[in-house]
Amino acid sequence: MLKAKDIMTKDVVTIHPEATVEELARLLIEHKISGVPVVDNENKLVGIVTENDLIRKNKRFHIPTVIRLFDAYILLGSGKAEEEIRKM
């Protein structure tokens, strides 16, 4: 029987509680992951944040919009960036 240890991710990407939502969103995108453990300065687990958490909380703050163009991720947020993308 397959066990959790057989399929778990061993190289775990983590984030600190003081990280901004934008930093969190970028981390999820860059590593192509849907959740990340939150650890303190001693690497002790204090929680976990997932894409669903971001979606549920989106009404309270702005999560940066990101689009993927070829193999690049483009962060939309400023009007200038959006104008440049429309010109493409």
PDB file of N, CA and C in Angstrom:
ATOM      1  N   MET A   1       0.847  -1.181   0.000  1.00  0.00           N
ATOM      2  CA  MET A   1       0.000   0.000   0.000  1.00  0.00           C
ATOM      3  C   MET A   1       0.893   1.246   0.000  1.00  0.00           C
ATOM      4  N   LEU A   2       0.567   2.183  -0.860  1.00  0.00           N
ATOM      5  CA  LEU A   2       1.298   3.444  -0.961  1.00  0.00           C
ATOM      6  C   LEU A   2       1.054   4.289   0.283  1.00  0.00           C
ATOM      7  N   LYS A   3       2.113   4.914   0.779  1.00  0.00           N
ATOM      8  CA  LYS A   3       1.999   5.743   1.982  1.00  0.00           C
ATOM      9  C   LYS A   3       2.326   7.191   1.659  1.00  0.00           C
ATOM     10  N   ALA A   4       1.931   8.075   2.564  1.00  0.00           N
ATOM     11  CA  ALA A   4       2.181   9.511   2.379  1.00  0.00           C
ATOM     12  C   ALA A   4       3.658   9.782   2.144  1.00  0.00           C
ATOM     13  N   LYS A   5       4.531   9.099   2.871  1.00  0.00           N
ATOM     14  CA  LYS A   5       5.975   9.320   2.729  1.00  0.00           C
ATOM     15  C   LYS A   5       6.477   8.965   1.331  1.00  0.00           C
ATOM     16  N   ASP A   6       5.725   8.119   0.619  1.00  0.00           N
ATOM     17  CA  ASP A   6       6.117   7.712  -0.727  1.00  0.00           C
ATOM     18  C   ASP A   6       5.807   8.775  -1.779  1.00  0.00           C
ATOM     19  N   ILE A   7       4.868   9.657  -1.496  1.00  0.00           N
ATOM     20  CA  ILE A   7       4.470  10.649  -2.496  1.00  0.00           C
ATOM     21  C   ILE A   7       4.693  12.091  -2.051  1.00  0.00           C
ATOM     22  N   MET A   8       5.123  12.277  -0.809  1.00  0.00           N
ATOM     23  CA  MET A   8       5.282  13.637  -0.282  1.00  0.00           C
ATOM     24  C   MET A   8       6.418  14.382  -0.967  1.00  0.00           C
ATOM     25  N   THR A   9       6.327  15.701  -0.933  1.00  0.00           N
ATOM     26  CA  THR A   9       7.391  16.565  -1.429  1.00  0.00           C
ATOM     27  C   THR A   9       8.433  16.687  -0.335  1.00  0.00           C
ATOM     28  N   LYS A  10       9.680  16.397  -0.684  1.00  0.00           N
ATOM     29  CA  LYS A  10      10.740  16.434   0.321  1.00  0.00           C
ATOM     30  C   LYS A  10      11.482  17.760   0.323  1.00  0.00           C
ATOM     31  N   ASP A  11      11.503  18.439  -0.803  1.00  0.00           N
ATOM     32  CA  ASP A  11      12.135  19.758  -0.909  1.00  0.00           C
ATOM     33  C   ASP A  11      11.044  20.809  -0.733  1.00  0.00           C
ATOM     34  N   VAL A  12      10.687  21.103   0.491  1.00  0.00           N
ATOM     35  CA  VAL A  12       9.525  21.934   0.782  1.00  0.00           C
ATOM     36  C   VAL A  12       9.860  23.420   0.699  1.00  0.00           C
ATOM     37  N   VAL A  13       9.047  24.150  -0.049  1.00  0.00           N
ATOM     38  CA  VAL A  13       9.143  25.608  -0.133  1.00  0.00           C
ATOM     39  C   VAL A  13       8.311  26.161   1.012  1.00  0.00           C
ATOM     40  N   THR A  14       8.877  27.108   1.775  1.00  0.00           N
ATOM     41  CA  THR A  14       8.162  27.679   2.914  1.00  0.00           C
ATOM     42  C   THR A  14       8.128  29.197   2.812  1.00  0.00           C
ATOM     43  N   ILE A  15       7.323  29.790   3.669  1.00  0.00           N
ATOM     44  CA  ILE A  15       7.226  31.248   3.727  1.00  0.00           C
ATOM     45  C   ILE A  15       7.080  31.653   5.192  1.00  0.00           C
ATOM     46  N   HIS A  16       7.509  32.869   5.506  1.00  0.00           N
ATOM     47  CA  HIS A  16       7.409  33.376   6.877  1.00  0.00           C
ATOM     48  C   HIS A  16       6.085  34.115   7.076  1.00  0.00           C
ATOM     49  N   PRO A  17       5.591  34.183   8.292  1.00  0.00           N
ATOM     50  CA  PRO A  17       4.308  34.836   8.567  1.00  0.00           C
ATOM     51  C   PRO A  17       4.263  36.307   8.165  1.00  0.00           C
ATOM     52  N   GLU A  18       5.405  36.978   8.139  1.00  0.00           N
ATOM     53  CA  GLU A  18       5.445  38.404   7.820  1.00  0.00           C
ATOM     54  C   GLU A  18       5.432  38.686   6.320  1.00  0.00           C
ATOM     55  N   ALA A  19       5.497  37.652   5.497  1.00  0.00           N
ATOM     56  CA  ALA A  19       5.504  37.842   4.043  1.00  0.00           C
ATOM     57  C   ALA A  19       4.183  38.466   3.596  1.00  0.00           C
ATOM     58  N   THR A  20       4.265  39.287   2.560  1.00  0.00           N
ATOM     59  CA  THR A  20       3.058  39.915   2.029  1.00  0.00           C
ATOM     60  C   THR A  20       2.288  38.923   1.162  1.00  0.00           C
ATOM     61  N   VAL A  21       1.042  39.237   0.905  1.00  0.00           N
ATOM     62  CA  VAL A  21       0.220  38.399   0.034  1.00  0.00           C
ATOM     63  C   VAL A  21       0.817  38.374  -1.370  1.00  0.00           C
ATOM     64  N   GLU A  22       1.352  39.496  -1.809  1.00  0.00           N
ATOM     65  CA  GLU A  22       1.988  39.533  -3.127  1.00  0.00           C
ATOM     66  C   GLU A  22       3.187  38.591  -3.167  1.00  0.00           C
ATOM     67  N   GLU A  23       4.010  38.602  -2.135  1.00  0.00           N
ATOM     68  CA  GLU A  23       5.154  37.682  -2.077  1.00  0.00           C
ATOM     69  C   GLU A  23       4.678  36.233  -2.087  1.00  0.00           C
ATOM     70  N   LEU A  24       3.623  35.961  -1.360  1.00  0.00           N
ATOM     71  CA  LEU A  24       3.055  34.617  -1.318  1.00  0.00           C
ATOM     72  C   LEU A  24       2.567  34.188  -2.701  1.00  0.00           C
ATOM     73  N   ALA A  25       1.826  35.060  -3.369  1.00  0.00           N
ATOM     74  CA  ALA A  25       1.305  34.742  -4.703  1.00  0.00           C
ATOM     75  C   ALA A  25       2.440  34.475  -5.679  1.00  0.00           C
ATOM     76  N   ARG A  26       3.471  35.304  -5.626  1.00  0.00           N
ATOM     77  CA  ARG A  26       4.629  35.097  -6.516  1.00  0.00           C
ATOM     78  C   ARG A  26       5.310  33.761  -6.241  1.00  0.00           C
ATOM     79  N   LEU A  27       5.445  33.410  -4.969  1.00  0.00           N
ATOM     80  CA  LEU A  27       6.083  32.153  -4.589  1.00  0.00           C
ATOM     81  C   LEU A  27       5.303  30.962  -5.142  1.00  0.00           C
ATOM     82  N   LEU A  28       3.989  31.013  -5.006  1.00  0.00           N
ATOM     83  CA  LEU A  28       3.153  29.932  -5.528  1.00  0.00           C
ATOM     84  C   LEU A  28       3.305  29.810  -7.039  1.00  0.00           C
ATOM     85  N   ILE A  29       3.335  30.938  -7.718  1.00  0.00           N
ATOM     86  CA  ILE A  29       3.457  30.936  -9.177  1.00  0.00           C
ATOM     87  C   ILE A  29       4.831  30.448  -9.609  1.00  0.00           C
ATOM     88  N   GLU A  30       5.871  31.002  -9.001  1.00  0.00           N
ATOM     89  CA  GLU A  30       7.241  30.648  -9.388  1.00  0.00           C
ATOM     90  C   GLU A  30       7.530  29.163  -9.206  1.00  0.00           C
ATOM     91  N   HIS A  31       6.983  28.580  -8.158  1.00  0.00           N
ATOM     92  CA  HIS A  31       7.267  27.172  -7.871  1.00  0.00           C
ATOM     93  C   HIS A  31       6.174  26.233  -8.368  1.00  0.00           C
ATOM     94  N   LYS A  32       5.153  26.816  -9.006  1.00  0.00           N
ATOM     95  CA  LYS A  32       4.039  26.032  -9.555  1.00  0.00           C
ATOM     96  C   LYS A  32       3.444  25.108  -8.487  1.00  0.00           C
ATOM     97  N   ILE A  33       3.148  25.723  -7.332  1.00  0.00           N
ATOM     98  CA  ILE A  33       2.566  24.977  -6.220  1.00  0.00           C
ATOM     99  C   ILE A  33       1.244  25.625  -5.817  1.00  0.00           C
ATOM    100  N   SER A  34       0.411  24.884  -5.114  1.00  0.00           N
ATOM    101  CA  SER A  34      -0.904  25.412  -4.740  1.00  0.00           C
ATOM    102  C   SER A  34      -1.017  25.741  -3.256  1.00  0.00           C
ATOM    103  N   GLY A  35       0.039  25.472  -2.510  1.00  0.00           N
ATOM    104  CA  GLY A  35       0.030  25.777  -1.088  1.00  0.00           C
ATOM    105  C   GLY A  35       1.442  25.801  -0.549  1.00  0.00           C
ATOM    106  N   VAL A  36       1.600  26.438   0.600  1.00  0.00           N
ATOM    107  CA  VAL A  36       2.936  26.560   1.181  1.00  0.00           C
ATOM    108  C   VAL A  36       2.828  26.588   2.708  1.00  0.00           C
ATOM    109  N   PRO A  37       3.710  25.842   3.389  1.00  0.00           N
ATOM    110  CA  PRO A  37       3.735  25.907   4.848  1.00  0.00           C
ATOM    111  C   PRO A  37       4.283  27.256   5.315  1.00  0.00           C
ATOM    112  N   VAL A  38       3.724  27.759   6.399  1.00  0.00           N
ATOM    113  CA  VAL A  38       4.200  29.005   7.007  1.00  0.00           C
ATOM    114  C   VAL A  38       5.033  28.605   8.225  1.00  0.00           C
ATOM    115  N   VAL A  39       6.298  29.065   8.256  1.00  0.00           N
ATOM    116  CA  VAL A  39       7.199  28.697   9.348  1.00  0.00           C
ATOM    117  C   VAL A  39       7.763  29.941  10.020  1.00  0.00           C
ATOM    118  N   ASP A  40       8.080  29.807  11.308  1.00  0.00           N
ATOM    119  CA  ASP A  40       8.672  30.927  12.044  1.00  0.00           C
ATOM    120  C   ASP A  40      10.184  30.947  11.833  1.00  0.00           C
ATOM    121  N   ASN A  41      10.883  31.816  12.560  1.00  0.00           N
ATOM    122  CA  ASN A  41      12.334  31.963  12.397  1.00  0.00           C
ATOM    123  C   ASN A  41      13.115  30.713  12.779  1.00  0.00           C
ATOM    124  N   GLU A  42      12.497  29.821  13.521  1.00  0.00           N
ATOM    125  CA  GLU A  42      13.150  28.564  13.902  1.00  0.00           C
ATOM    126  C   GLU A  42      12.693  27.411  13.004  1.00  0.00           C
ATOM    127  N   ASN A  43      12.047  27.755  11.891  1.00  0.00           N
ATOM    128  CA  ASN A  43      11.492  26.783  10.943  1.00  0.00           C
ATOM    129  C   ASN A  43      10.435  25.878  11.568  1.00  0.00           C
ATOM    130  N   LYS A  44       9.772  26.369  12.595  1.00  0.00           N
ATOM    131  CA  LYS A  44       8.667  25.633  13.216  1.00  0.00           C
ATOM    132  C   LYS A  44       7.383  25.958  12.453  1.00  0.00           C
ATOM    133  N   LEU A  45       6.644  24.931  12.112  1.00  0.00           N
ATOM    134  CA  LEU A  45       5.399  25.107  11.373  1.00  0.00           C
ATOM    135  C   LEU A  45       4.378  25.864  12.213  1.00  0.00           C
ATOM    136  N   VAL A  46       3.861  26.959  11.639  1.00  0.00           N
ATOM    137  CA  VAL A  46       2.831  27.732  12.342  1.00  0.00           C
ATOM    138  C   VAL A  46       1.513  27.749  11.570  1.00  0.00           C
ATOM    139  N   GLY A  47       1.530  27.239  10.341  1.00  0.00           N
ATOM    140  CA  GLY A  47       0.310  27.202   9.545  1.00  0.00           C
ATOM    141  C   GLY A  47       0.595  26.819   8.112  1.00  0.00           C
ATOM    142  N   ILE A  48      -0.423  26.917   7.297  1.00  0.00           N
ATOM    143  CA  ILE A  48      -0.299  26.647   5.868  1.00  0.00           C
ATOM    144  C   ILE A  48      -1.242  27.587   5.127  1.00  0.00           C
ATOM    145  N   VAL A  49      -0.820  28.040   3.960  1.00  0.00           N
ATOM    146  CA  VAL A  49      -1.650  28.907   3.127  1.00  0.00           C
ATOM    147  C   VAL A  49      -1.779  28.244   1.762  1.00  0.00           C
ATOM    148  N   THR A  50      -3.001  28.213   1.242  1.00  0.00           N
ATOM    149  CA  THR A  50      -3.253  27.605  -0.061  1.00  0.00           C
ATOM    150  C   THR A  50      -3.874  28.620  -1.013  1.00  0.00           C
ATOM    151  N   GLU A  51      -3.948  28.240  -2.280  1.00  0.00           N
ATOM    152  CA  GLU A  51      -4.615  29.094  -3.266  1.00  0.00           C
ATOM    153  C   GLU A  51      -6.053  29.376  -2.834  1.00  0.00           C
ATOM    154  N   ASN A  52      -6.718  28.393  -2.274  1.00  0.00           N
ATOM    155  CA  ASN A  52      -8.104  28.587  -1.824  1.00  0.00           C
ATOM    156  C   ASN A  52      -8.199  29.659  -0.753  1.00  0.00           C
ATOM    157  N   ASP A  53      -7.200  29.731   0.131  1.00  0.00           N
ATOM    158  CA  ASP A  53      -7.185  30.788   1.148  1.00  0.00           C
ATOM    159  C   ASP A  53      -7.122  32.157   0.478  1.00  0.00           C
ATOM    160  N   LEU A  54      -6.292  32.273  -0.552  1.00  0.00           N
ATOM    161  CA  LEU A  54      -6.170  33.544  -1.273  1.00  0.00           C
ATOM    162  C   LEU A  54      -7.477  33.906  -1.964  1.00  0.00           C
ATOM    163  N   ILE A  55      -8.121  32.931  -2.563  1.00  0.00           N
ATOM    164  CA  ILE A  55      -9.381  33.179  -3.270  1.00  0.00           C
ATOM    165  C   ILE A  55     -10.467  33.619  -2.291  1.00  0.00           C
ATOM    166  N   ARG A  56     -10.563  32.945  -1.151  1.00  0.00           N
ATOM    167  CA  ARG A  56     -11.583  33.300  -0.155  1.00  0.00           C
ATOM    168  C   ARG A  56     -11.365  34.695   0.413  1.00  0.00           C
ATOM    169  N   LYS A  57     -10.128  35.110   0.566  1.00  0.00           N
ATOM    170  CA  LYS A  57      -9.820  36.406   1.172  1.00  0.00           C
ATOM    171  C   LYS A  57      -9.738  37.527   0.143  1.00  0.00           C
ATOM    172  N   ASN A  58      -9.856  37.219  -1.133  1.00  0.00           N
ATOM    173  CA  ASN A  58      -9.666  38.203  -2.204  1.00  0.00           C
ATOM    174  C   ASN A  58     -10.580  39.411  -2.065  1.00  0.00           C
ATOM    175  N   LYS A  59     -11.717  39.278  -1.445  1.00  0.00           N
ATOM    176  CA  LYS A  59     -12.639  40.401  -1.311  1.00  0.00           C
ATOM    177  C   LYS A  59     -12.096  41.472  -0.371  1.00  0.00           C
ATOM    178  N   ARG A  60     -11.148  41.104   0.482  1.00  0.00           N
ATOM    179  CA  ARG A  60     -10.624  42.048   1.466  1.00  0.00           C
ATOM    180  C   ARG A  60      -9.366  42.778   1.004  1.00  0.00           C
ATOM    181  N   PHE A  61      -8.658  42.224   0.037  1.00  0.00           N
ATOM    182  CA  PHE A  61      -7.444  42.870  -0.449  1.00  0.00           C
ATOM    183  C   PHE A  61      -7.217  42.484  -1.894  1.00  0.00           C
ATOM    184  N   HIS A  62      -6.302  43.192  -2.537  1.00  0.00           N
ATOM    185  CA  HIS A  62      -6.031  42.947  -3.949  1.00  0.00           C
ATOM    186  C   HIS A  62      -4.916  41.928  -4.109  1.00  0.00           C
ATOM    187  N   ILE A  63      -5.220  40.837  -4.777  1.00  0.00           N
ATOM    188  CA  ILE A  63      -4.192  39.872  -5.149  1.00  0.00           C
ATOM    189  C   ILE A  63      -3.741  40.243  -6.551  1.00  0.00           C
ATOM    190  N   PRO A  64      -2.439  40.354  -6.771  1.00  0.00           N
ATOM    191  CA  PRO A  64      -1.964  40.743  -8.090  1.00  0.00           C
ATOM    192  C   PRO A  64      -2.431  39.758  -9.162  1.00  0.00           C
ATOM    193  N   THR A  65      -2.792  40.291 -10.310  1.00  0.00           N
ATOM    194  CA  THR A  65      -3.193  39.467 -11.432  1.00  0.00           C
ATOM    195  C   THR A  65      -1.951  39.087 -12.213  1.00  0.00           C
ATOM    196  N   VAL A  66      -1.846  37.821 -12.530  1.00  0.00           N
ATOM    197  CA  VAL A  66      -0.678  37.333 -13.248  1.00  0.00           C
ATOM    198  C   VAL A  66      -1.166  36.587 -14.474  1.00  0.00           C
ATOM    199  N   ILE A  67      -0.521  36.862 -15.611  1.00  0.00           N
ATOM    200  CA  ILE A  67      -0.824  36.090 -16.809  1.00  0.00           C
ATOM    201  C   ILE A  67       0.443  35.386 -17.255  1.00  0.00           C
ATOM    202  N   ARG A  68       0.257  34.301 -17.970  1.00  0.00           N
ATOM    203  CA  ARG A  68       1.405  33.568 -18.485  1.00  0.00           C
ATOM    204  C   ARG A  68       1.441  33.770 -19.987  1.00  0.00           C
ATOM    205  N   LEU A  69       2.580  34.242 -20.473  1.00  0.00           N
ATOM    206  CA  LEU A  69       2.782  34.468 -21.898  1.00  0.00           C
ATOM    207  C   LEU A  69       4.004  33.680 -22.303  1.00  0.00           C
ATOM    208  N   PHE A  70       3.812  32.674 -23.120  1.00  0.00           N
ATOM    209  CA  PHE A  70       4.864  31.732 -23.470  1.00  0.00           C
ATOM    210  C   PHE A  70       5.382  31.108 -22.178  1.00  0.00           C
ATOM    211  N   ASP A  71       6.651  31.254 -21.847  1.00  0.00           N
ATOM    212  CA  ASP A  71       7.175  30.678 -20.609  1.00  0.00           C
ATOM    213  C   ASP A  71       7.406  31.727 -19.541  1.00  0.00           C
ATOM    214  N   ALA A  72       6.876  32.926 -19.731  1.00  0.00           N
ATOM    215  CA  ALA A  72       7.095  34.011 -18.768  1.00  0.00           C
ATOM    216  C   ALA A  72       5.797  34.325 -18.035  1.00  0.00           C
ATOM    217  N   TYR A  73       5.938  34.700 -16.778  1.00  0.00           N
ATOM    218  CA  TYR A  73       4.804  35.172 -15.988  1.00  0.00           C
ATOM    219  C   TYR A  73       4.878  36.681 -15.915  1.00  0.00           C
ATOM    220  N   ILE A  74       3.764  37.344 -16.172  1.00  0.00           N
ATOM    221  CA  ILE A  74       3.723  38.804 -16.166  1.00  0.00           C
ATOM    222  C   ILE A  74       2.752  39.247 -15.086  1.00  0.00           C
ATOM    223  N   LEU A  75       3.251  40.071 -14.178  1.00  0.00           N
ATOM    224  CA  LEU A  75       2.441  40.585 -13.080  1.00  0.00           C
ATOM    225  C   LEU A  75       1.710  41.828 -13.554  1.00  0.00           C
ATOM    226  N   LEU A  76       0.388  41.791 -13.486  1.00  0.00           N
ATOM    227  CA  LEU A  76      -0.414  42.952 -13.842  1.00  0.00           C
ATOM    228  C   LEU A  76      -0.795  43.669 -12.561  1.00  0.00           C
ATOM    229  N   GLY A  77      -0.729  44.941 -12.586  1.00  0.00           N
ATOM    230  CA  GLY A  77      -1.085  45.668 -11.385  1.00  0.00           C
ATOM    231  C   GLY A  77      -1.078  47.151 -11.653  1.00  0.00           C
ATOM    232  N   SER A  78      -0.067  47.562 -12.368  1.00  0.00           N
ATOM    233  CA  SER A  78      -0.006  48.977 -12.706  1.00  0.00           C
ATOM    234  C   SER A  78      -0.601  49.165 -14.090  1.00  0.00           C
ATOM    235  N   GLY A  79      -1.183  50.299 -14.318  1.00  0.00           N
ATOM    236  CA  GLY A  79      -1.743  50.604 -15.624  1.00  0.00           C
ATOM    237  C   GLY A  79      -0.700  50.556 -16.718  1.00  0.00           C
ATOM    238  N   LYS A  80       0.522  50.944 -16.388  1.00  0.00           N
ATOM    239  CA  LYS A  80       1.606  50.956 -17.372  1.00  0.00           C
ATOM    240  C   LYS A  80       1.905  49.545 -17.867  1.00  0.00           C
ATOM    241  N   ALA A  81       1.976  48.579 -16.958  1.00  0.00           N
ATOM    242  CA  ALA A  81       2.256  47.202 -17.356  1.00  0.00           C
ATOM    243  C   ALA A  81       1.143  46.675 -18.251  1.00  0.00           C
ATOM    244  N   GLU A  82      -0.090  46.971 -17.898  1.00  0.00           N
ATOM    245  CA  GLU A  82      -1.215  46.508 -18.702  1.00  0.00           C
ATOM    246  C   GLU A  82      -1.183  47.134 -20.094  1.00  0.00           C
ATOM    247  N   GLU A  83      -0.811  48.411 -20.187  1.00  0.00           N
ATOM    248  CA  GLU A  83      -0.709  49.072 -21.491  1.00  0.00           C
ATOM    249  C   GLU A  83       0.348  48.402 -22.354  1.00  0.00           C
ATOM    250  N   GLU A  84       1.490  48.072 -21.755  1.00  0.00           N
ATOM    251  CA  GLU A  84       2.570  47.425 -22.496  1.00  0.00           C
ATOM    252  C   GLU A  84       2.134  46.067 -23.033  1.00  0.00           C
ATOM    253  N   ILE A  85       1.386  45.329 -22.257  1.00  0.00           N
ATOM    254  CA  ILE A  85       0.923  44.016 -22.697  1.00  0.00           C
ATOM    255  C   ILE A  85      -0.079  44.158 -23.830  1.00  0.00           C
ATOM    256  N   ARG A  86      -0.942  45.135 -23.757  1.00  0.00           N
ATOM    257  CA  ARG A  86      -1.920  45.340 -24.833  1.00  0.00           C
ATOM    258  C   ARG A  86      -1.230  45.695 -26.143  1.00  0.00           C
ATOM    259  N   LYS A  87      -0.076  46.367 -26.068  1.00  0.00           N
ATOM    260  CA  LYS A  87       0.666  46.736 -27.272  1.00  0.00           C
ATOM    261  C   LYS A  87       1.256  45.519 -27.967  1.00  0.00           C
ATOM    262  N   MET A  88       1.464  44.427 -27.211  1.00  0.00           N
ATOM    263  CA  MET A  88       2.093  43.234 -27.781  1.00  0.00           C
ATOM    264  C   MET A  88       1.178  42.650 -28.775  1.00  0.00           C
TER     265      MET A  88
END
